[in-house]
């Protein structure tokens, strides 16, 4: 009975469904193409995972608090344009340009948070407007063209962010270590700290949270700022890796990030979030994108698979929630 109880508790966890789905993906793609689990292919999957993954980690906390941020994709494209424009023009050093880009992102997140908490405008509308403002600014500044390429290899900060090293024949990007560090820190914050309790309470029942002394508005403002900063960091990492700052970069990323978070088990209505589930959701989508191309399925079919995964995982989460409420 005790073993059965442990199994039931494992199945009831929101991370169980994503974990099973990820294992099934790995089995299916490996059985079709044995090169899927090669060192080079896994290294490529991990390299691309970081950029959307950083945004998804922050979005998990924000969605747990009951809000969304649709402007993260535009910040992904705008911030590298800002940083490299400052650096390439000789206005600042690379390090200063990097800090300025992060500071501007934090300011944009602050504006989002103030509009949502002080003016009581839904975050969907606020961040949709900010998406257009930020993306439009990037396109206007660059006339719609990518910034010129450069050699970032001699910049120490660039190597810290995106440098590579090898473990045997396996290539590891430094950005993967940053992703892992952020995941560990945010996972700890959400599950083991008072701030995490405030985040969950803000999304679960804001009025009750306020009655217990939780500063709901300040909590949400900080989370909007966190989303903006990590979206900027992700965009800068991508720009260094690809040697290009494209104002159109990140288009559609906001929806894919939300899909990762939702697939991982974070509640759309707020109040419940899981960093472990989000990490699984990140890998599910990135493995799917890589795997369908590797086995010969046209890349344009990617959205079909993602839509099916979202519908399936939502049905599973709904079923598990009902069983939990019924006590079975």
C-alpha atoms as a PDB file:
ATOM      1  CA  UNK A   1       0.000   0.000   0.000  1.00  0.00           C
ATOM      2  CA  UNK A   2       2.850   2.359   0.846  1.00  0.00           C
ATOM      3  CA  UNK A   3       4.499   1.677  -2.526  1.00  0.00           C
ATOM      4  CA  UNK A   4       1.199   2.319  -4.279  1.00  0.00           C
ATOM      5  CA  UNK A   5       0.760   5.540  -2.346  1.00  0.00           C
ATOM      6  CA  UNK A   6       4.191   6.757  -3.435  1.00  0.00           C
ATOM      7  CA  UNK A   7       3.376   5.903  -7.043  1.00  0.00           C
ATOM      8  CA  UNK A   8       0.058   7.729  -6.823  1.00  0.00           C
ATOM      9  CA  UNK A   9       1.768  10.803  -5.410  1.00  0.00           C
ATOM     10  CA  UNK A  10       4.354  10.718  -8.217  1.00  0.00           C
ATOM     11  CA  UNK A  11       1.631  10.468 -10.873  1.00  0.00           C
ATOM     12  CA  UNK A  12      -0.287  13.337  -9.273  1.00  0.00           C
ATOM     13  CA  UNK A  13       2.660  15.714  -9.536  1.00  0.00           C
ATOM     14  CA  UNK A  14       2.425  18.196 -12.441  1.00  0.00           C
ATOM     15  CA  UNK A  15       5.927  17.200 -13.584  1.00  0.00           C
ATOM     16  CA  UNK A  16       4.968  13.549 -14.144  1.00  0.00           C
ATOM     17  CA  UNK A  17       3.259  14.025 -17.518  1.00  0.00           C
ATOM     18  CA  UNK A  18       6.052  16.147 -19.032  1.00  0.00           C
ATOM     19  CA  UNK A  19       8.670  13.685 -17.775  1.00  0.00           C
ATOM     20  CA  UNK A  20       6.926  10.730 -19.428  1.00  0.00           C
ATOM     21  CA  UNK A  21       6.452  12.685 -22.661  1.00  0.00           C
ATOM     22  CA  UNK A  22      10.133  13.651 -22.794  1.00  0.00           C
ATOM     23  CA  UNK A  23      11.203  10.021 -22.307  1.00  0.00           C
ATOM     24  CA  UNK A  24       8.829   8.922 -25.080  1.00  0.00           C
ATOM     25  CA  UNK A  25      10.264  11.576 -27.412  1.00  0.00           C
ATOM     26  CA  UNK A  26      13.797  10.384 -26.769  1.00  0.00           C
ATOM     27  CA  UNK A  27      12.835   6.756 -27.380  1.00  0.00           C
ATOM     28  CA  UNK A  28      10.922   7.470 -30.600  1.00  0.00           C
ATOM     29  CA  UNK A  29      13.515   9.767 -32.187  1.00  0.00           C
ATOM     30  CA  UNK A  30      16.419   7.507 -31.220  1.00  0.00           C
ATOM     31  CA  UNK A  31      14.675   4.433 -32.641  1.00  0.00           C
ATOM     32  CA  UNK A  32      14.119   6.224 -35.974  1.00  0.00           C
ATOM     33  CA  UNK A  33      17.527   7.875 -36.242  1.00  0.00           C
ATOM     34  CA  UNK A  34      20.389   6.567 -34.091  1.00  0.00           C
ATOM     35  CA  UNK A  35      22.332   9.800 -34.608  1.00  0.00           C
ATOM     36  CA  UNK A  36      19.763  11.608 -32.491  1.00  0.00           C
ATOM     37  CA  UNK A  37      21.661  10.881 -29.265  1.00  0.00           C
ATOM     38  CA  UNK A  38      25.071  11.632 -30.771  1.00  0.00           C
ATOM     39  CA  UNK A  39      27.293  14.040 -28.839  1.00  0.00           C
ATOM     40  CA  UNK A  40      27.132  16.677 -31.583  1.00  0.00           C
ATOM     41  CA  UNK A  41      23.338  16.613 -31.816  1.00  0.00           C
ATOM     42  CA  UNK A  42      22.802  16.747 -28.049  1.00  0.00           C
ATOM     43  CA  UNK A  43      25.267  19.640 -27.852  1.00  0.00           C
ATOM     44  CA  UNK A  44      23.299  21.519 -30.531  1.00  0.00           C
ATOM     45  CA  UNK A  45      20.003  20.898 -28.723  1.00  0.00           C
ATOM     46  CA  UNK A  46      21.426  22.257 -25.476  1.00  0.00           C
ATOM     47  CA  UNK A  47      22.900  25.323 -27.205  1.00  0.00           C
ATOM     48  CA  UNK A  48      19.496  26.381 -28.548  1.00  0.00           C
ATOM     49  CA  UNK A  49      17.695  25.392 -25.345  1.00  0.00           C
ATOM     50  CA  UNK A  50      19.382  28.074 -23.274  1.00  0.00           C
ATOM     51  CA  UNK A  51      18.035  31.051 -25.163  1.00  0.00           C
ATOM     52  CA  UNK A  52      14.338  30.297 -24.801  1.00  0.00           C
ATOM     53  CA  UNK A  53      14.929  28.478 -21.522  1.00  0.00           C
ATOM     54  CA  UNK A  54      16.137  31.549 -19.650  1.00  0.00           C
ATOM     55  CA  UNK A  55      12.967  33.418 -20.595  1.00  0.00           C
ATOM     56  CA  UNK A  56      10.768  30.446 -19.684  1.00  0.00           C
ATOM     57  CA  UNK A  57      12.283  30.208 -16.196  1.00  0.00           C
ATOM     58  CA  UNK A  58      11.374  33.816 -15.412  1.00  0.00           C
ATOM     59  CA  UNK A  59       7.974  33.432 -17.072  1.00  0.00           C
ATOM     60  CA  UNK A  60       7.235  30.529 -14.717  1.00  0.00           C
ATOM     61  CA  UNK A  61       7.441  32.811 -11.693  1.00  0.00           C
ATOM     62  CA  UNK A  62       5.437  35.548 -13.405  1.00  0.00           C
ATOM     63  CA  UNK A  63       2.678  33.167 -14.499  1.00  0.00           C
ATOM     64  CA  UNK A  64       2.603  31.648 -11.018  1.00  0.00           C
ATOM     65  CA  UNK A  65       1.806  35.151  -9.764  1.00  0.00           C
ATOM     66  CA  UNK A  66      -1.088  35.291 -12.222  1.00  0.00           C
ATOM     67  CA  UNK A  67       0.400  37.505 -14.968  1.00  0.00           C
ATOM     68  CA  UNK A  68       1.833  37.210 -18.501  1.00  0.00           C
ATOM     69  CA  UNK A  69       4.545  39.066 -20.401  1.00  0.00           C
ATOM     70  CA  UNK A  70       4.173  39.142 -24.173  1.00  0.00           C
ATOM     71  CA  UNK A  71       7.000  41.655 -24.633  1.00  0.00           C
ATOM     72  CA  UNK A  72       9.844  39.200 -23.923  1.00  0.00           C
ATOM     73  CA  UNK A  73      10.271  38.237 -27.585  1.00  0.00           C
ATOM     74  CA  UNK A  74      10.656  41.857 -28.667  1.00  0.00           C
ATOM     75  CA  UNK A  75      13.199  42.468 -25.890  1.00  0.00           C
ATOM     76  CA  UNK A  76      15.105  39.419 -27.137  1.00  0.00           C
ATOM     77  CA  UNK A  77      15.580  41.256 -30.428  1.00  0.00           C
ATOM     78  CA  UNK A  78      15.828  44.847 -29.196  1.00  0.00           C
ATOM     79  CA  UNK A  79      18.402  44.522 -26.411  1.00  0.00           C
ATOM     80  CA  UNK A  80      21.247  43.101 -28.553  1.00  0.00           C
ATOM     81  CA  UNK A  81      20.577  45.866 -31.107  1.00  0.00           C
ATOM     82  CA  UNK A  82      20.938  48.447 -28.335  1.00  0.00           C
ATOM     83  CA  UNK A  83      24.067  46.861 -26.879  1.00  0.00           C
ATOM     84  CA  UNK A  84      25.907  46.375 -30.152  1.00  0.00           C
ATOM     85  CA  UNK A  85      24.918  49.801 -31.470  1.00  0.00           C
ATOM     86  CA  UNK A  86      26.524  51.376 -28.403  1.00  0.00           C
ATOM     87  CA  UNK A  87      29.622  49.195 -28.683  1.00  0.00           C
ATOM     88  CA  UNK A  88      30.115  49.328 -32.465  1.00  0.00           C
ATOM     89  CA  UNK A  89      29.714  53.114 -32.516  1.00  0.00           C
ATOM     90  CA  UNK A  90      32.495  53.473 -29.940  1.00  0.00           C
ATOM     91  CA  UNK A  91      30.161  55.173 -27.460  1.00  0.00           C
ATOM     92  CA  UNK A  92      30.927  52.681 -24.684  1.00  0.00           C
ATOM     93  CA  UNK A  93      32.953  49.594 -23.909  1.00  0.00           C
ATOM     94  CA  UNK A  94      31.343  46.198 -24.354  1.00  0.00           C
ATOM     95  CA  UNK A  95      30.869  45.731 -20.599  1.00  0.00           C
ATOM     96  CA  UNK A  96      29.178  49.105 -20.173  1.00  0.00           C
ATOM     97  CA  UNK A  97      26.926  48.477 -23.186  1.00  0.00           C
ATOM     98  CA  UNK A  98      25.950  45.131 -21.657  1.00  0.00           C
ATOM     99  CA  UNK A  99      25.002  46.761 -18.345  1.00  0.00           C
ATOM    100  CA  UNK A 100      23.055  49.525 -20.117  1.00  0.00           C
ATOM    101  CA  UNK A 101      21.056  46.930 -22.070  1.00  0.00           C
ATOM    102  CA  UNK A 102      20.168  45.117 -18.840  1.00  0.00           C
ATOM    103  CA  UNK A 103      19.251  48.401 -17.131  1.00  0.00           C
ATOM    104  CA  UNK A 104      16.988  49.464 -20.001  1.00  0.00           C
ATOM    105  CA  UNK A 105      15.312  46.053 -19.888  1.00  0.00           C
ATOM    106  CA  UNK A 106      14.738  46.395 -16.142  1.00  0.00           C
ATOM    107  CA  UNK A 107      13.175  49.812 -16.755  1.00  0.00           C
ATOM    108  CA  UNK A 108      10.854  48.344 -19.399  1.00  0.00           C
ATOM    109  CA  UNK A 109       9.871  45.597 -16.954  1.00  0.00           C
ATOM    110  CA  UNK A 110       9.235  48.240 -14.297  1.00  0.00           C
ATOM    111  CA  UNK A 111       6.924  50.139 -16.658  1.00  0.00           C
ATOM    112  CA  UNK A 112       5.044  46.923 -17.441  1.00  0.00           C
ATOM    113  CA  UNK A 113       4.660  46.191 -13.751  1.00  0.00           C
ATOM    114  CA  UNK A 114       3.481  49.694 -12.865  1.00  0.00           C
ATOM    115  CA  UNK A 115       0.882  49.719 -15.641  1.00  0.00           C
ATOM    116  CA  UNK A 116      -0.475  46.368 -14.467  1.00  0.00           C
ATOM    117  CA  UNK A 117      -0.447  47.003 -10.720  1.00  0.00           C
ATOM    118  CA  UNK A 118      -1.172  50.723 -10.502  1.00  0.00           C
ATOM    119  CA  UNK A 119      -3.451  51.291 -13.493  1.00  0.00           C
ATOM    120  CA  UNK A 120      -5.094  47.859 -13.165  1.00  0.00           C
ATOM    121  CA  UNK A 121      -4.720  47.111 -16.883  1.00  0.00           C
ATOM    122  CA  UNK A 122      -4.532  43.377 -17.725  1.00  0.00           C
ATOM    123  CA  UNK A 123      -0.961  42.259 -18.300  1.00  0.00           C
ATOM    124  CA  UNK A 124      -1.956  40.754 -21.653  1.00  0.00           C
ATOM    125  CA  UNK A 125      -2.833  44.209 -22.998  1.00  0.00           C
ATOM    126  CA  UNK A 126       0.033  46.074 -21.336  1.00  0.00           C
ATOM    127  CA  UNK A 127       2.738  43.746 -22.574  1.00  0.00           C
ATOM    128  CA  UNK A 128       1.152  43.461 -26.021  1.00  0.00           C
ATOM    129  CA  UNK A 129       1.465  47.236 -26.304  1.00  0.00           C
ATOM    130  CA  UNK A 130       5.038  47.113 -25.013  1.00  0.00           C
ATOM    131  CA  UNK A 131       5.835  44.385 -27.549  1.00  0.00           C
ATOM    132  CA  UNK A 132       4.854  46.737 -30.370  1.00  0.00           C
ATOM    133  CA  UNK A 133       6.727  49.703 -28.878  1.00  0.00           C
ATOM    134  CA  UNK A 134       9.965  47.772 -28.313  1.00  0.00           C
ATOM    135  CA  UNK A 135       9.880  45.892 -31.621  1.00  0.00           C
ATOM    136  CA  UNK A 136       9.033  49.084 -33.487  1.00  0.00           C
ATOM    137  CA  UNK A 137      11.931  50.906 -31.829  1.00  0.00           C
ATOM    138  CA  UNK A 138      14.378  48.168 -32.840  1.00  0.00           C
ATOM    139  CA  UNK A 139      13.146  48.234 -36.440  1.00  0.00           C
ATOM    140  CA  UNK A 140      13.231  52.033 -36.593  1.00  0.00           C
ATOM    141  CA  UNK A 141      16.773  52.283 -35.215  1.00  0.00           C
ATOM    142  CA  UNK A 142      18.131  49.671 -37.632  1.00  0.00           C
ATOM    143  CA  UNK A 143      15.860  50.415 -40.622  1.00  0.00           C
ATOM    144  CA  UNK A 144      14.844  46.790 -40.345  1.00  0.00           C
ATOM    145  CA  UNK A 145      18.319  45.419 -41.097  1.00  0.00           C
ATOM    146  CA  UNK A 146      20.547  43.318 -38.817  1.00  0.00           C
ATOM    147  CA  UNK A 147      23.537  45.023 -37.243  1.00  0.00           C
ATOM    148  CA  UNK A 148      26.876  44.365 -38.892  1.00  0.00           C
ATOM    149  CA  UNK A 149      28.678  41.246 -37.778  1.00  0.00           C
ATOM    150  CA  UNK A 150      31.715  41.413 -35.550  1.00  0.00           C
ATOM    151  CA  UNK A 151      34.293  39.197 -33.953  1.00  0.00           C
ATOM    152  CA  UNK A 152      33.308  38.708 -30.335  1.00  0.00           C
ATOM    153  CA  UNK A 153      35.918  36.057 -29.676  1.00  0.00           C
ATOM    154  CA  UNK A 154      38.410  38.463 -28.111  1.00  0.00           C
ATOM    155  CA  UNK A 155      35.918  39.934 -25.634  1.00  0.00           C
ATOM    156  CA  UNK A 156      36.293  38.368 -22.148  1.00  0.00           C
ATOM    157  CA  UNK A 157      32.653  38.967 -21.224  1.00  0.00           C
ATOM    158  CA  UNK A 158      31.509  37.292 -24.444  1.00  0.00           C
ATOM    159  CA  UNK A 159      33.568  34.228 -23.556  1.00  0.00           C
ATOM    160  CA  UNK A 160      32.076  34.180 -20.067  1.00  0.00           C
ATOM    161  CA  UNK A 161      28.575  34.234 -21.529  1.00  0.00           C
ATOM    162  CA  UNK A 162      28.939  31.985 -24.579  1.00  0.00           C
ATOM    163  CA  UNK A 163      32.419  30.460 -24.495  1.00  0.00           C
ATOM    164  CA  UNK A 164      32.780  26.736 -25.119  1.00  0.00           C
ATOM    165  CA  UNK A 165      34.725  23.920 -23.542  1.00  0.00           C
ATOM    166  CA  UNK A 166      34.816  20.173 -24.120  1.00  0.00           C
ATOM    167  CA  UNK A 167      34.055  17.260 -21.836  1.00  0.00           C
ATOM    168  CA  UNK A 168      35.647  14.511 -23.860  1.00  0.00           C
ATOM    169  CA  UNK A 169      34.107  14.919 -27.314  1.00  0.00           C
ATOM    170  CA  UNK A 170      31.073  16.738 -25.922  1.00  0.00           C
ATOM    171  CA  UNK A 171      31.000  20.496 -26.534  1.00  0.00           C
ATOM    172  CA  UNK A 172      29.462  22.559 -23.730  1.00  0.00           C
ATOM    173  CA  UNK A 173      28.511  26.234 -24.014  1.00  0.00           C
ATOM    174  CA  UNK A 174      29.070  28.430 -20.979  1.00  0.00           C
ATOM    175  CA  UNK A 175      25.522  29.712 -21.482  1.00  0.00           C
ATOM    176  CA  UNK A 176      24.255  26.255 -20.482  1.00  0.00           C
ATOM    177  CA  UNK A 177      25.892  26.699 -17.084  1.00  0.00           C
ATOM    178  CA  UNK A 178      24.178  30.069 -16.702  1.00  0.00           C
ATOM    179  CA  UNK A 179      20.860  28.442 -17.549  1.00  0.00           C
ATOM    180  CA  UNK A 180      21.428  25.694 -14.966  1.00  0.00           C
ATOM    181  CA  UNK A 181      22.403  28.250 -12.313  1.00  0.00           C
ATOM    182  CA  UNK A 182      19.305  30.370 -12.950  1.00  0.00           C
ATOM    183  CA  UNK A 183      17.075  27.268 -12.859  1.00  0.00           C
ATOM    184  CA  UNK A 184      18.526  26.169  -9.507  1.00  0.00           C
ATOM    185  CA  UNK A 185      18.220  29.632  -7.953  1.00  0.00           C
ATOM    186  CA  UNK A 186      14.663  30.265  -9.161  1.00  0.00           C
ATOM    187  CA  UNK A 187      13.597  26.742  -8.212  1.00  0.00           C
ATOM    188  CA  UNK A 188      14.894  27.327  -4.705  1.00  0.00           C
ATOM    189  CA  UNK A 189      13.237  30.739  -4.485  1.00  0.00           C
ATOM    190  CA  UNK A 190       9.859  29.398  -5.617  1.00  0.00           C
ATOM    191  CA  UNK A 191       9.757  26.365  -3.321  1.00  0.00           C
ATOM    192  CA  UNK A 192      11.930  27.155  -0.309  1.00  0.00           C
ATOM    193  CA  UNK A 193      11.649  30.864   0.456  1.00  0.00           C
ATOM    194  CA  UNK A 194       9.136  33.396   1.728  1.00  0.00           C
ATOM    195  CA  UNK A 195       9.336  35.163  -1.633  1.00  0.00           C
ATOM    196  CA  UNK A 196       8.162  31.957  -3.318  1.00  0.00           C
ATOM    197  CA  UNK A 197       5.185  31.773  -0.973  1.00  0.00           C
ATOM    198  CA  UNK A 198       4.364  35.384  -1.838  1.00  0.00           C
ATOM    199  CA  UNK A 199       4.530  34.608  -5.578  1.00  0.00           C
ATOM    200  CA  UNK A 200       2.165  31.655  -5.251  1.00  0.00           C
ATOM    201  CA  UNK A 201      -0.184  33.530  -2.954  1.00  0.00           C
ATOM    202  CA  UNK A 202      -0.273  36.514  -5.330  1.00  0.00           C
ATOM    203  CA  UNK A 203      -1.487  34.269  -8.129  1.00  0.00           C
ATOM    204  CA  UNK A 204      -3.709  31.981  -6.080  1.00  0.00           C
ATOM    205  CA  UNK A 205      -5.742  34.540  -4.136  1.00  0.00           C
ATOM    206  CA  UNK A 206      -4.418  38.121  -4.279  1.00  0.00           C
ATOM    207  CA  UNK A 207      -6.987  39.518  -1.839  1.00  0.00           C
ATOM    208  CA  UNK A 208      -6.226  36.883   0.783  1.00  0.00           C
ATOM    209  CA  UNK A 209      -2.496  37.441   0.211  1.00  0.00           C
ATOM    210  CA  UNK A 210      -2.882  41.181   0.825  1.00  0.00           C
ATOM    211  CA  UNK A 211      -4.871  40.455   3.995  1.00  0.00           C
ATOM    212  CA  UNK A 212      -1.924  38.402   5.240  1.00  0.00           C
ATOM    213  CA  UNK A 213       0.518  41.235   4.590  1.00  0.00           C
ATOM    214  CA  UNK A 214       1.903  40.162   1.195  1.00  0.00           C
ATOM    215  CA  UNK A 215       2.891  43.110  -0.993  1.00  0.00           C
ATOM    216  CA  UNK A 216       1.301  41.701  -4.138  1.00  0.00           C
ATOM    217  CA  UNK A 217       2.005  44.732  -6.317  1.00  0.00           C
ATOM    218  CA  UNK A 218       5.697  44.902  -5.480  1.00  0.00           C
ATOM    219  CA  UNK A 219       6.064  41.151  -5.989  1.00  0.00           C
ATOM    220  CA  UNK A 220       4.569  41.353  -9.479  1.00  0.00           C
ATOM    221  CA  UNK A 221       6.651  44.400 -10.425  1.00  0.00           C
ATOM    222  CA  UNK A 222       9.856  42.570  -9.496  1.00  0.00           C
ATOM    223  CA  UNK A 223       8.779  39.579 -11.578  1.00  0.00           C
ATOM    224  CA  UNK A 224       8.080  41.738 -14.639  1.00  0.00           C
ATOM    225  CA  UNK A 225      11.565  43.200 -14.240  1.00  0.00           C
ATOM    226  CA  UNK A 226      13.057  39.717 -13.889  1.00  0.00           C
ATOM    227  CA  UNK A 227      11.341  38.573 -17.108  1.00  0.00           C
ATOM    228  CA  UNK A 228      12.644  41.584 -19.010  1.00  0.00           C
ATOM    229  CA  UNK A 229      16.221  41.169 -17.742  1.00  0.00           C
ATOM    230  CA  UNK A 230      16.410  37.445 -18.517  1.00  0.00           C
ATOM    231  CA  UNK A 231      14.880  38.007 -21.975  1.00  0.00           C
ATOM    232  CA  UNK A 232      17.627  40.562 -22.579  1.00  0.00           C
ATOM    233  CA  UNK A 233      20.328  38.200 -21.335  1.00  0.00           C
ATOM    234  CA  UNK A 234      18.983  35.474 -23.615  1.00  0.00           C
ATOM    235  CA  UNK A 235      18.961  37.813 -26.609  1.00  0.00           C
ATOM    236  CA  UNK A 236      22.529  38.953 -25.952  1.00  0.00           C
ATOM    237  CA  UNK A 237      23.714  35.356 -25.631  1.00  0.00           C
ATOM    238  CA  UNK A 238      22.035  34.529 -28.943  1.00  0.00           C
ATOM    239  CA  UNK A 239      23.570  37.558 -30.665  1.00  0.00           C
ATOM    240  CA  UNK A 240      27.074  36.592 -29.562  1.00  0.00           C
ATOM    241  CA  UNK A 241      26.605  32.982 -30.625  1.00  0.00           C
ATOM    242  CA  UNK A 242      25.262  33.901 -34.078  1.00  0.00           C
ATOM    243  CA  UNK A 243      27.327  37.092 -34.552  1.00  0.00           C
ATOM    244  CA  UNK A 244      24.213  39.007 -35.539  1.00  0.00           C
ATOM    245  CA  UNK A 245      21.856  41.444 -33.818  1.00  0.00           C
ATOM    246  CA  UNK A 246      18.640  41.164 -35.788  1.00  0.00           C
ATOM    247  CA  UNK A 247      15.734  43.441 -34.739  1.00  0.00           C
ATOM    248  CA  UNK A 248      13.307  40.692 -35.823  1.00  0.00           C
ATOM    249  CA  UNK A 249      14.907  38.092 -33.562  1.00  0.00           C
ATOM    250  CA  UNK A 250      12.558  36.612 -31.002  1.00  0.00           C
ATOM    251  CA  UNK A 251       9.407  37.024 -33.079  1.00  0.00           C
ATOM    252  CA  UNK A 252       6.863  34.551 -31.718  1.00  0.00           C
ATOM    253  CA  UNK A 253       9.103  33.531 -28.825  1.00  0.00           C
ATOM    254  CA  UNK A 254       6.633  34.841 -26.250  1.00  0.00           C
ATOM    255  CA  UNK A 255       4.031  32.246 -27.250  1.00  0.00           C
ATOM    256  CA  UNK A 256       6.538  29.401 -27.409  1.00  0.00           C
ATOM    257  CA  UNK A 257       7.833  30.324 -23.956  1.00  0.00           C
ATOM    258  CA  UNK A 258       4.317  30.344 -22.510  1.00  0.00           C
ATOM    259  CA  UNK A 259       3.762  26.941 -24.141  1.00  0.00           C
ATOM    260  CA  UNK A 260       6.890  25.590 -22.425  1.00  0.00           C
ATOM    261  CA  UNK A 261       5.718  26.835 -19.050  1.00  0.00           C
ATOM    262  CA  UNK A 262       2.170  25.513 -19.469  1.00  0.00           C
ATOM    263  CA  UNK A 263       3.331  22.117 -20.741  1.00  0.00           C
ATOM    264  CA  UNK A 264       5.547  21.901 -17.655  1.00  0.00           C
ATOM    265  CA  UNK A 265       2.546  22.134 -15.351  1.00  0.00           C
ATOM    266  CA  UNK A 266       2.359  25.786 -14.284  1.00  0.00           C
ATOM    267  CA  UNK A 267      -1.267  26.854 -13.930  1.00  0.00           C
ATOM    268  CA  UNK A 268      -2.514  29.418 -16.450  1.00  0.00           C
ATOM    269  CA  UNK A 269      -4.685  30.964 -13.739  1.00  0.00           C
ATOM    270  CA  UNK A 270      -1.749  31.423 -11.344  1.00  0.00           C
ATOM    271  CA  UNK A 271      -1.075  30.076  -7.887  1.00  0.00           C
ATOM    272  CA  UNK A 272       0.885  27.001  -8.947  1.00  0.00           C
ATOM    273  CA  UNK A 273       4.227  26.843 -10.691  1.00  0.00           C
ATOM    274  CA  UNK A 274       7.107  24.430 -11.058  1.00  0.00           C
ATOM    275  CA  UNK A 275      10.609  25.173 -12.300  1.00  0.00           C
ATOM    276  CA  UNK A 276      11.347  21.466 -12.725  1.00  0.00           C
ATOM    277  CA  UNK A 277       8.260  21.131 -14.904  1.00  0.00           C
ATOM    278  CA  UNK A 278       9.293  24.154 -16.957  1.00  0.00           C
ATOM    279  CA  UNK A 279      12.752  22.682 -17.554  1.00  0.00           C
ATOM    280  CA  UNK A 280      11.049  19.510 -18.790  1.00  0.00           C
ATOM    281  CA  UNK A 281       8.717  21.608 -20.971  1.00  0.00           C
ATOM    282  CA  UNK A 282      11.712  23.438 -22.435  1.00  0.00           C
ATOM    283  CA  UNK A 283      13.412  20.186 -23.376  1.00  0.00           C
ATOM    284  CA  UNK A 284      10.184  18.700 -24.740  1.00  0.00           C
ATOM    285  CA  UNK A 285       9.789  21.487 -27.286  1.00  0.00           C
ATOM    286  CA  UNK A 286      13.463  21.793 -28.185  1.00  0.00           C
ATOM    287  CA  UNK A 287      13.842  18.012 -28.574  1.00  0.00           C
ATOM    288  CA  UNK A 288      10.681  17.984 -30.704  1.00  0.00           C
ATOM    289  CA  UNK A 289      11.984  20.778 -32.961  1.00  0.00           C
ATOM    290  CA  UNK A 290      15.314  19.018 -33.409  1.00  0.00           C
ATOM    291  CA  UNK A 291      13.915  15.506 -33.702  1.00  0.00           C
ATOM    292  CA  UNK A 292      11.282  16.072 -36.377  1.00  0.00           C
ATOM    293  CA  UNK A 293      13.874  17.698 -38.638  1.00  0.00           C
ATOM    294  CA  UNK A 294      16.420  14.951 -37.975  1.00  0.00           C
ATOM    295  CA  UNK A 295      13.963  12.211 -38.957  1.00  0.00           C
ATOM    296  CA  UNK A 296      12.991  14.008 -42.155  1.00  0.00           C
ATOM    297  CA  UNK A 297       9.723  15.726 -41.210  1.00  0.00           C
ATOM    298  CA  UNK A 298       9.518  19.250 -42.740  1.00  0.00           C
ATOM    299  CA  UNK A 299      10.333  21.903 -40.159  1.00  0.00           C
ATOM    300  CA  UNK A 300       7.154  23.782 -41.103  1.00  0.00           C
ATOM    301  CA  UNK A 301       5.183  20.970 -39.428  1.00  0.00           C
ATOM    302  CA  UNK A 302       6.690  21.908 -36.046  1.00  0.00           C
ATOM    303  CA  UNK A 303       3.690  23.976 -34.968  1.00  0.00           C
ATOM    304  CA  UNK A 304       1.345  21.055 -35.615  1.00  0.00           C
ATOM    305  CA  UNK A 305       3.249  18.917 -33.134  1.00  0.00           C
ATOM    306  CA  UNK A 306       3.512  21.724 -30.586  1.00  0.00           C
ATOM    307  CA  UNK A 307      -0.220  22.415 -30.764  1.00  0.00           C
ATOM    308  CA  UNK A 308      -0.963  18.728 -30.269  1.00  0.00           C
ATOM    309  CA  UNK A 309       1.404  18.564 -27.287  1.00  0.00           C
ATOM    310  CA  UNK A 310      -0.205  21.598 -25.648  1.00  0.00           C
ATOM    311  CA  UNK A 311      -3.712  20.167 -26.066  1.00  0.00           C
ATOM    312  CA  UNK A 312      -2.637  16.761 -24.792  1.00  0.00           C
ATOM    313  CA  UNK A 313      -0.789  18.107 -21.760  1.00  0.00           C
ATOM    314  CA  UNK A 314      -3.663  20.443 -20.870  1.00  0.00           C
ATOM    315  CA  UNK A 315      -6.057  17.504 -20.965  1.00  0.00           C
ATOM    316  CA  UNK A 316      -3.709  15.488 -18.742  1.00  0.00           C
ATOM    317  CA  UNK A 317      -3.252  18.318 -16.217  1.00  0.00           C
ATOM    318  CA  UNK A 318      -7.013  18.854 -16.102  1.00  0.00           C
ATOM    319  CA  UNK A 319      -7.591  15.142 -15.465  1.00  0.00           C
ATOM    320  CA  UNK A 320      -4.967  15.046 -12.702  1.00  0.00           C
ATOM    321  CA  UNK A 321      -6.444  18.146 -11.062  1.00  0.00           C
ATOM    322  CA  UNK A 322      -9.912  16.591 -11.023  1.00  0.00           C
ATOM    323  CA  UNK A 323      -8.578  13.379  -9.490  1.00  0.00           C
ATOM    324  CA  UNK A 324      -6.722  15.399  -6.875  1.00  0.00           C
ATOM    325  CA  UNK A 325      -9.820  17.399  -5.953  1.00  0.00           C
ATOM    326  CA  UNK A 326     -11.866  14.200  -5.728  1.00  0.00           C
ATOM    327  CA  UNK A 327      -9.196  12.698  -3.478  1.00  0.00           C
ATOM    328  CA  UNK A 328      -8.580   9.679  -5.700  1.00  0.00           C
END
